[in-house]
Amino acid sequence: MFKKATGLFLGLTIGLGSGWILRGQEPGGAIAMVYYWKAKPGKLDDYNHYIHTVGEPIDFEAQRSGAFVSITTYISRRPDSPWTHMRIFVLKDREQAANLEKALDDAGLRVQPDESKRKANADLSATLRDPVSREELEILK
């Protein structure tokens, strides 16, 4: 019994170790699209609400349809920060990165098919935030 358990443990250890080694040898790497936004003065809470009520449903629809792997939003409350919101979309490859904006636009159409409401949301966002910058980054594995 002890030999079987030891053999099973050794086989499992080698198998898992091989998987980790092979994963480290995969070509290329994951990509992140990072969007930096600055909430307008006095609009931080309003912009947070906008992200939850307008942005996230679009993000979740885009993710559901395979546009990206994950999204995380970070908020800086430092008064001298050049940005208040950093939204990081993790993508599996450069093809997903190249198609991200169209995929988000398409998801926006599915979530809100009424053009006048989409325009009202776009107009609202312009009163809440300003774009700061956008970067495409490789994720070090």
N, C-alpha and C. Protein backbone atom coordinates (compact mmCIF):
# COMPACT_ATOMS: atom_id res chain seq x y z
N MET A 1 0.82 -1.19 0.00
CA MET A 1 0.00 0.00 0.00
C MET A 1 0.87 1.26 0.00
N PHE A 2 1.92 1.24 0.84
CA PHE A 2 2.82 2.40 0.93
C PHE A 2 3.50 2.64 -0.42
N LYS A 3 3.92 1.55 -1.11
CA LYS A 3 4.58 1.70 -2.42
C LYS A 3 3.63 2.30 -3.44
N LYS A 4 2.36 1.88 -3.41
CA LYS A 4 1.37 2.42 -4.35
C LYS A 4 1.15 3.90 -4.09
N ALA A 5 1.03 4.27 -2.82
CA ALA A 5 0.82 5.68 -2.47
C ALA A 5 2.02 6.51 -2.86
N THR A 6 3.22 5.99 -2.62
CA THR A 6 4.44 6.71 -2.98
C THR A 6 4.53 6.86 -4.49
N GLY A 7 4.22 5.80 -5.21
CA GLY A 7 4.25 5.84 -6.68
C GLY A 7 3.24 6.83 -7.23
N LEU A 8 2.05 6.84 -6.65
CA LEU A 8 1.01 7.78 -7.08
C LEU A 8 1.45 9.21 -6.79
N PHE A 9 2.01 9.46 -5.61
CA PHE A 9 2.49 10.79 -5.24
C PHE A 9 3.59 11.23 -6.19
N LEU A 10 4.54 10.35 -6.48
CA LEU A 10 5.65 10.68 -7.37
C LEU A 10 5.13 10.97 -8.78
N GLY A 11 4.20 10.15 -9.27
CA GLY A 11 3.63 10.38 -10.60
C GLY A 11 2.89 11.70 -10.67
N LEU A 12 2.12 12.00 -9.65
CA LEU A 12 1.38 13.26 -9.59
C LEU A 12 2.33 14.45 -9.55
N THR A 13 3.39 14.33 -8.75
CA THR A 13 4.37 15.42 -8.63
C THR A 13 5.07 15.66 -9.97
N ILE A 14 5.48 14.62 -10.64
CA ILE A 14 6.15 14.77 -11.93
C ILE A 14 5.19 15.35 -12.96
N GLY A 15 3.96 14.85 -12.97
CA GLY A 15 2.96 15.35 -13.92
C GLY A 15 2.66 16.82 -13.72
N LEU A 16 2.44 17.23 -12.49
CA LEU A 16 2.17 18.64 -12.23
C LEU A 16 3.38 19.50 -12.52
N GLY A 17 4.56 19.00 -12.13
CA GLY A 17 5.79 19.75 -12.39
C GLY A 17 6.01 19.93 -13.89
N SER A 18 5.73 18.90 -14.66
CA SER A 18 5.88 19.01 -16.12
C SER A 18 4.92 20.03 -16.69
N GLY A 19 3.70 20.05 -16.18
CA GLY A 19 2.72 21.03 -16.64
C GLY A 19 3.18 22.44 -16.37
N TRP A 20 3.73 22.69 -15.19
CA TRP A 20 4.22 24.03 -14.86
C TRP A 20 5.41 24.40 -15.73
N ILE A 21 6.28 23.44 -16.00
CA ILE A 21 7.45 23.72 -16.84
C ILE A 21 6.99 24.03 -18.26
N LEU A 22 6.07 23.22 -18.80
CA LEU A 22 5.59 23.44 -20.16
C LEU A 22 4.84 24.76 -20.27
N ARG A 23 4.06 25.12 -19.27
CA ARG A 23 3.32 26.37 -19.29
C ARG A 23 4.29 27.55 -19.38
N GLY A 24 5.41 27.45 -18.70
CA GLY A 24 6.40 28.51 -18.73
C GLY A 24 7.07 28.64 -20.09
N GLN A 25 6.94 27.62 -20.96
CA GLN A 25 7.57 27.65 -22.26
C GLN A 25 6.61 28.02 -23.38
N GLU A 26 5.38 28.37 -23.04
CA GLU A 26 4.42 28.76 -24.07
C GLU A 26 4.92 30.01 -24.78
N PRO A 27 4.78 30.07 -26.12
CA PRO A 27 5.23 31.24 -26.85
C PRO A 27 4.35 32.45 -26.57
N GLY A 28 4.92 33.64 -26.67
CA GLY A 28 4.14 34.86 -26.49
C GLY A 28 3.70 35.04 -25.06
N GLY A 29 2.79 35.96 -24.86
CA GLY A 29 2.28 36.19 -23.52
C GLY A 29 0.95 36.88 -23.59
N ALA A 30 0.30 36.97 -22.46
CA ALA A 30 -0.98 37.65 -22.40
C ALA A 30 -0.76 39.15 -22.54
N ILE A 31 -1.78 39.82 -23.00
CA ILE A 31 -1.75 41.26 -23.27
C ILE A 31 -2.73 41.94 -22.33
N ALA A 32 -2.40 43.16 -21.94
CA ALA A 32 -3.34 43.97 -21.17
C ALA A 32 -3.52 45.30 -21.89
N MET A 33 -4.77 45.69 -22.05
CA MET A 33 -5.09 47.03 -22.52
C MET A 33 -5.46 47.83 -21.29
N VAL A 34 -4.74 48.90 -21.06
CA VAL A 34 -4.94 49.71 -19.86
C VAL A 34 -5.45 51.08 -20.29
N TYR A 35 -6.60 51.44 -19.76
CA TYR A 35 -7.21 52.75 -20.04
C TYR A 35 -7.17 53.57 -18.76
N TYR A 36 -6.63 54.79 -18.86
CA TYR A 36 -6.56 55.71 -17.73
C TYR A 36 -7.58 56.83 -17.96
N TRP A 37 -8.39 57.08 -16.94
CA TRP A 37 -9.40 58.13 -16.99
C TRP A 37 -9.26 59.03 -15.78
N LYS A 38 -9.62 60.28 -15.94
CA LYS A 38 -9.62 61.23 -14.82
C LYS A 38 -11.04 61.73 -14.63
N ALA A 39 -11.62 61.42 -13.46
CA ALA A 39 -12.95 61.93 -13.15
C ALA A 39 -12.86 63.45 -13.03
N LYS A 40 -13.87 64.12 -13.53
CA LYS A 40 -13.90 65.58 -13.43
C LYS A 40 -14.06 65.97 -11.96
N PRO A 41 -13.61 67.17 -11.59
CA PRO A 41 -13.70 67.59 -10.19
C PRO A 41 -15.12 67.44 -9.63
N GLY A 42 -15.19 66.79 -8.46
CA GLY A 42 -16.47 66.58 -7.81
C GLY A 42 -17.32 65.48 -8.41
N LYS A 43 -16.80 64.76 -9.39
CA LYS A 43 -17.59 63.74 -10.11
C LYS A 43 -17.12 62.31 -9.87
N LEU A 44 -16.23 62.09 -8.91
CA LEU A 44 -15.68 60.75 -8.69
C LEU A 44 -16.79 59.74 -8.38
N ASP A 45 -17.65 60.06 -7.43
CA ASP A 45 -18.73 59.12 -7.08
C ASP A 45 -19.71 58.93 -8.23
N ASP A 46 -20.00 60.00 -8.96
CA ASP A 46 -20.89 59.89 -10.11
C ASP A 46 -20.28 59.00 -11.20
N TYR A 47 -18.97 59.15 -11.41
CA TYR A 47 -18.31 58.32 -12.42
C TYR A 47 -18.27 56.86 -11.95
N ASN A 48 -18.03 56.62 -10.67
CA ASN A 48 -18.07 55.24 -10.16
C ASN A 48 -19.45 54.62 -10.41
N HIS A 49 -20.51 55.40 -10.15
CA HIS A 49 -21.88 54.93 -10.39
C HIS A 49 -22.09 54.63 -11.88
N TYR A 50 -21.57 55.50 -12.74
CA TYR A 50 -21.68 55.30 -14.19
C TYR A 50 -20.99 53.99 -14.60
N ILE A 51 -19.81 53.74 -14.06
CA ILE A 51 -19.11 52.49 -14.39
C ILE A 51 -19.98 51.29 -14.00
N HIS A 52 -20.55 51.33 -12.80
CA HIS A 52 -21.37 50.21 -12.33
C HIS A 52 -22.64 50.03 -13.15
N THR A 53 -23.29 51.12 -13.50
CA THR A 53 -24.61 51.00 -14.14
C THR A 53 -24.57 50.96 -15.66
N VAL A 54 -23.57 51.60 -16.27
CA VAL A 54 -23.50 51.65 -17.74
C VAL A 54 -22.33 50.82 -18.27
N GLY A 55 -21.15 51.04 -17.71
CA GLY A 55 -19.96 50.37 -18.22
C GLY A 55 -19.91 48.88 -17.96
N GLU A 56 -20.17 48.48 -16.72
CA GLU A 56 -20.04 47.06 -16.39
C GLU A 56 -20.97 46.14 -17.17
N PRO A 57 -22.24 46.50 -17.38
CA PRO A 57 -23.07 45.61 -18.20
C PRO A 57 -22.50 45.40 -19.62
N ILE A 58 -21.92 46.46 -20.17
CA ILE A 58 -21.29 46.34 -21.50
C ILE A 58 -20.06 45.45 -21.39
N ASP A 59 -19.23 45.69 -20.37
CA ASP A 59 -18.03 44.87 -20.17
C ASP A 59 -18.39 43.40 -20.03
N PHE A 60 -19.39 43.11 -19.20
CA PHE A 60 -19.76 41.71 -18.96
C PHE A 60 -20.30 41.05 -20.23
N GLU A 61 -21.05 41.80 -21.02
CA GLU A 61 -21.55 41.26 -22.29
C GLU A 61 -20.39 40.99 -23.25
N ALA A 62 -19.45 41.91 -23.32
CA ALA A 62 -18.29 41.71 -24.19
C ALA A 62 -17.46 40.52 -23.74
N GLN A 63 -17.27 40.39 -22.43
CA GLN A 63 -16.51 39.26 -21.90
C GLN A 63 -17.23 37.95 -22.19
N ARG A 64 -18.55 37.94 -22.00
CA ARG A 64 -19.35 36.75 -22.27
C ARG A 64 -19.20 36.28 -23.71
N SER A 65 -19.04 37.24 -24.61
CA SER A 65 -18.90 36.89 -26.03
C SER A 65 -17.45 36.67 -26.45
N GLY A 66 -16.54 36.63 -25.47
CA GLY A 66 -15.15 36.27 -25.76
C GLY A 66 -14.23 37.42 -26.14
N ALA A 67 -14.61 38.65 -25.85
CA ALA A 67 -13.80 39.81 -26.24
C ALA A 67 -12.52 39.94 -25.43
N PHE A 68 -12.53 39.48 -24.19
CA PHE A 68 -11.36 39.57 -23.32
C PHE A 68 -11.48 38.54 -22.20
N VAL A 69 -10.38 38.36 -21.48
CA VAL A 69 -10.33 37.36 -20.41
C VAL A 69 -10.90 37.92 -19.12
N SER A 70 -10.47 39.12 -18.73
CA SER A 70 -10.95 39.71 -17.48
C SER A 70 -10.78 41.23 -17.52
N ILE A 71 -11.44 41.88 -16.58
CA ILE A 71 -11.30 43.33 -16.43
C ILE A 71 -11.26 43.65 -14.94
N THR A 72 -10.41 44.61 -14.61
CA THR A 72 -10.33 45.11 -13.24
C THR A 72 -10.22 46.63 -13.32
N THR A 73 -10.95 47.31 -12.45
CA THR A 73 -10.87 48.76 -12.37
C THR A 73 -10.24 49.15 -11.04
N TYR A 74 -9.22 49.98 -11.13
CA TYR A 74 -8.55 50.51 -9.94
C TYR A 74 -8.89 51.99 -9.83
N ILE A 75 -9.02 52.46 -8.59
CA ILE A 75 -9.33 53.87 -8.36
C ILE A 75 -8.22 54.48 -7.51
N SER A 76 -7.70 55.60 -7.96
CA SER A 76 -6.73 56.36 -7.18
C SER A 76 -7.46 57.54 -6.56
N ARG A 77 -7.32 57.67 -5.26
CA ARG A 77 -7.94 58.80 -4.57
C ARG A 77 -6.88 59.84 -4.20
N ARG A 78 -5.69 59.66 -4.71
CA ARG A 78 -4.63 60.62 -4.46
C ARG A 78 -4.93 61.91 -5.22
N PRO A 79 -5.01 63.04 -4.57
CA PRO A 79 -5.40 64.29 -5.25
C PRO A 79 -4.47 64.70 -6.40
N ASP A 80 -3.19 64.35 -6.31
CA ASP A 80 -2.25 64.76 -7.35
C ASP A 80 -2.02 63.69 -8.41
N SER A 81 -2.80 62.62 -8.39
CA SER A 81 -2.66 61.56 -9.38
C SER A 81 -3.11 62.07 -10.75
N PRO A 82 -2.41 61.67 -11.81
CA PRO A 82 -2.83 62.09 -13.15
C PRO A 82 -4.11 61.39 -13.62
N TRP A 83 -4.51 60.32 -12.92
CA TRP A 83 -5.72 59.58 -13.27
C TRP A 83 -6.47 59.21 -12.00
N THR A 84 -7.76 59.00 -12.13
CA THR A 84 -8.57 58.50 -11.01
C THR A 84 -8.97 57.05 -11.22
N HIS A 85 -9.10 56.64 -12.47
CA HIS A 85 -9.54 55.28 -12.79
C HIS A 85 -8.59 54.65 -13.80
N MET A 86 -8.15 53.45 -13.47
CA MET A 86 -7.33 52.66 -14.38
C MET A 86 -8.11 51.38 -14.62
N ARG A 87 -8.51 51.16 -15.86
CA ARG A 87 -9.29 49.97 -16.21
C ARG A 87 -8.39 49.05 -17.03
N ILE A 88 -8.18 47.85 -16.53
CA ILE A 88 -7.26 46.91 -17.16
C ILE A 88 -8.04 45.73 -17.73
N PHE A 89 -7.98 45.60 -19.04
CA PHE A 89 -8.58 44.46 -19.74
C PHE A 89 -7.45 43.48 -20.03
N VAL A 90 -7.55 42.26 -19.53
CA VAL A 90 -6.58 41.22 -19.83
C VAL A 90 -7.09 40.45 -21.04
N LEU A 91 -6.20 40.30 -22.03
CA LEU A 91 -6.56 39.65 -23.29
C LEU A 91 -5.63 38.48 -23.55
N LYS A 92 -6.12 37.49 -24.28
CA LYS A 92 -5.29 36.30 -24.50
C LYS A 92 -4.19 36.52 -25.53
N ASP A 93 -4.41 37.46 -26.46
CA ASP A 93 -3.40 37.68 -27.50
C ASP A 93 -3.61 39.04 -28.17
N ARG A 94 -2.72 39.36 -29.09
CA ARG A 94 -2.79 40.65 -29.78
C ARG A 94 -4.02 40.78 -30.67
N GLU A 95 -4.52 39.67 -31.16
CA GLU A 95 -5.74 39.71 -31.98
C GLU A 95 -6.92 40.21 -31.15
N GLN A 96 -7.05 39.68 -29.93
CA GLN A 96 -8.11 40.19 -29.06
C GLN A 96 -7.90 41.67 -28.77
N ALA A 97 -6.65 42.07 -28.56
CA ALA A 97 -6.35 43.49 -28.28
C ALA A 97 -6.77 44.37 -29.45
N ALA A 98 -6.48 43.91 -30.67
CA ALA A 98 -6.81 44.69 -31.87
C ALA A 98 -8.32 44.83 -32.05
N ASN A 99 -9.08 43.85 -31.56
CA ASN A 99 -10.53 43.84 -31.74
C ASN A 99 -11.32 44.33 -30.52
N LEU A 100 -10.63 44.74 -29.46
CA LEU A 100 -11.31 45.06 -28.21
C LEU A 100 -12.30 46.21 -28.36
N GLU A 101 -11.91 47.31 -28.95
CA GLU A 101 -12.82 48.46 -29.02
C GLU A 101 -14.07 48.14 -29.82
N LYS A 102 -13.92 47.43 -30.93
CA LYS A 102 -15.10 47.04 -31.72
C LYS A 102 -15.98 46.07 -30.92
N ALA A 103 -15.35 45.14 -30.21
CA ALA A 103 -16.12 44.19 -29.41
C ALA A 103 -16.90 44.91 -28.31
N LEU A 104 -16.30 45.93 -27.70
CA LEU A 104 -17.01 46.70 -26.67
C LEU A 104 -18.15 47.50 -27.30
N ASP A 105 -17.90 48.09 -28.47
CA ASP A 105 -18.97 48.81 -29.17
C ASP A 105 -20.13 47.88 -29.51
N ASP A 106 -19.80 46.70 -30.03
CA ASP A 106 -20.83 45.71 -30.38
C ASP A 106 -21.62 45.28 -29.15
N ALA A 107 -20.91 45.08 -28.04
CA ALA A 107 -21.59 44.71 -26.79
C ALA A 107 -22.50 45.84 -26.33
N GLY A 108 -22.06 47.07 -26.50
CA GLY A 108 -22.89 48.21 -26.15
C GLY A 108 -24.19 48.24 -26.94
N LEU A 109 -24.12 47.87 -28.22
CA LEU A 109 -25.32 47.80 -29.05
C LEU A 109 -26.28 46.72 -28.55
N ARG A 110 -25.72 45.58 -28.12
CA ARG A 110 -26.57 44.49 -27.63
C ARG A 110 -27.21 44.85 -26.28
N VAL A 111 -26.42 45.50 -25.41
CA VAL A 111 -26.93 45.86 -24.09
C VAL A 111 -27.96 46.98 -24.18
N GLN A 112 -27.69 47.95 -25.04
CA GLN A 112 -28.61 49.09 -25.18
C GLN A 112 -28.88 49.33 -26.67
N PRO A 113 -29.87 48.68 -27.23
CA PRO A 113 -30.15 48.82 -28.66
C PRO A 113 -30.72 50.19 -29.05
N ASP A 114 -31.24 50.94 -28.10
CA ASP A 114 -31.83 52.25 -28.38
C ASP A 114 -30.73 53.30 -28.57
N GLU A 115 -30.60 53.79 -29.80
CA GLU A 115 -29.52 54.72 -30.14
C GLU A 115 -29.58 56.01 -29.31
N SER A 116 -30.78 56.51 -29.04
CA SER A 116 -30.89 57.75 -28.27
C SER A 116 -30.40 57.55 -26.84
N LYS A 117 -30.63 56.38 -26.26
CA LYS A 117 -30.14 56.10 -24.91
C LYS A 117 -28.62 55.92 -24.91
N ARG A 118 -28.08 55.28 -25.95
CA ARG A 118 -26.62 55.16 -26.05
C ARG A 118 -25.97 56.53 -26.16
N LYS A 119 -26.57 57.43 -26.95
CA LYS A 119 -26.04 58.78 -27.09
C LYS A 119 -26.12 59.52 -25.76
N ALA A 120 -27.23 59.36 -25.04
CA ALA A 120 -27.37 60.01 -23.73
C ALA A 120 -26.30 59.50 -22.76
N ASN A 121 -26.01 58.19 -22.79
CA ASN A 121 -24.95 57.64 -21.94
C ASN A 121 -23.58 58.20 -22.33
N ALA A 122 -23.33 58.32 -23.63
CA ALA A 122 -22.05 58.89 -24.09
C ALA A 122 -21.94 60.35 -23.67
N ASP A 123 -23.03 61.10 -23.79
CA ASP A 123 -23.02 62.50 -23.37
C ASP A 123 -22.78 62.61 -21.87
N LEU A 124 -23.41 61.72 -21.11
CA LEU A 124 -23.22 61.72 -19.66
C LEU A 124 -21.77 61.44 -19.31
N SER A 125 -21.18 60.43 -19.96
CA SER A 125 -19.78 60.09 -19.64
C SER A 125 -18.85 61.28 -19.89
N ALA A 126 -19.15 62.08 -20.92
CA ALA A 126 -18.32 63.26 -21.22
C ALA A 126 -18.38 64.30 -20.11
N THR A 127 -19.46 64.30 -19.33
CA THR A 127 -19.57 65.25 -18.22
C THR A 127 -18.90 64.72 -16.95
N LEU A 128 -18.54 63.44 -16.94
CA LEU A 128 -18.01 62.80 -15.74
C LEU A 128 -16.51 62.57 -15.76
N ARG A 129 -15.92 62.43 -16.93
CA ARG A 129 -14.52 62.01 -17.00
C ARG A 129 -13.85 62.52 -18.26
N ASP A 130 -12.52 62.51 -18.22
CA ASP A 130 -11.70 62.83 -19.39
C ASP A 130 -10.72 61.69 -19.60
N PRO A 131 -10.45 61.34 -20.86
CA PRO A 131 -9.44 60.31 -21.10
C PRO A 131 -8.05 60.87 -20.79
N VAL A 132 -7.20 60.02 -20.22
CA VAL A 132 -5.83 60.43 -19.92
C VAL A 132 -4.88 59.75 -20.90
N SER A 133 -4.92 58.42 -20.96
CA SER A 133 -4.08 57.69 -21.91
C SER A 133 -4.55 56.24 -22.00
N ARG A 134 -3.93 55.55 -22.92
CA ARG A 134 -4.21 54.14 -23.15
C ARG A 134 -2.90 53.46 -23.48
N GLU A 135 -2.70 52.27 -22.94
CA GLU A 135 -1.47 51.53 -23.22
C GLU A 135 -1.79 50.07 -23.47
N GLU A 136 -1.03 49.47 -24.37
CA GLU A 136 -1.08 48.03 -24.58
C GLU A 136 0.19 47.47 -23.95
N LEU A 137 0.03 46.56 -23.01
CA LEU A 137 1.17 46.01 -22.26
C LEU A 137 1.22 44.50 -22.42
N GLU A 138 2.43 43.97 -22.36
CA GLU A 138 2.60 42.53 -22.27
C GLU A 138 2.65 42.14 -20.81
N ILE A 139 2.06 41.02 -20.48
CA ILE A 139 2.07 40.52 -19.11
C ILE A 139 3.22 39.53 -18.97
N LEU A 140 4.13 39.81 -18.09
CA LEU A 140 5.28 38.95 -17.87
C LEU A 140 4.82 37.70 -17.15
N LYS A 141 5.15 36.57 -17.72
CA LYS A 141 4.77 35.29 -17.09
C LYS A 141 5.97 34.65 -16.47
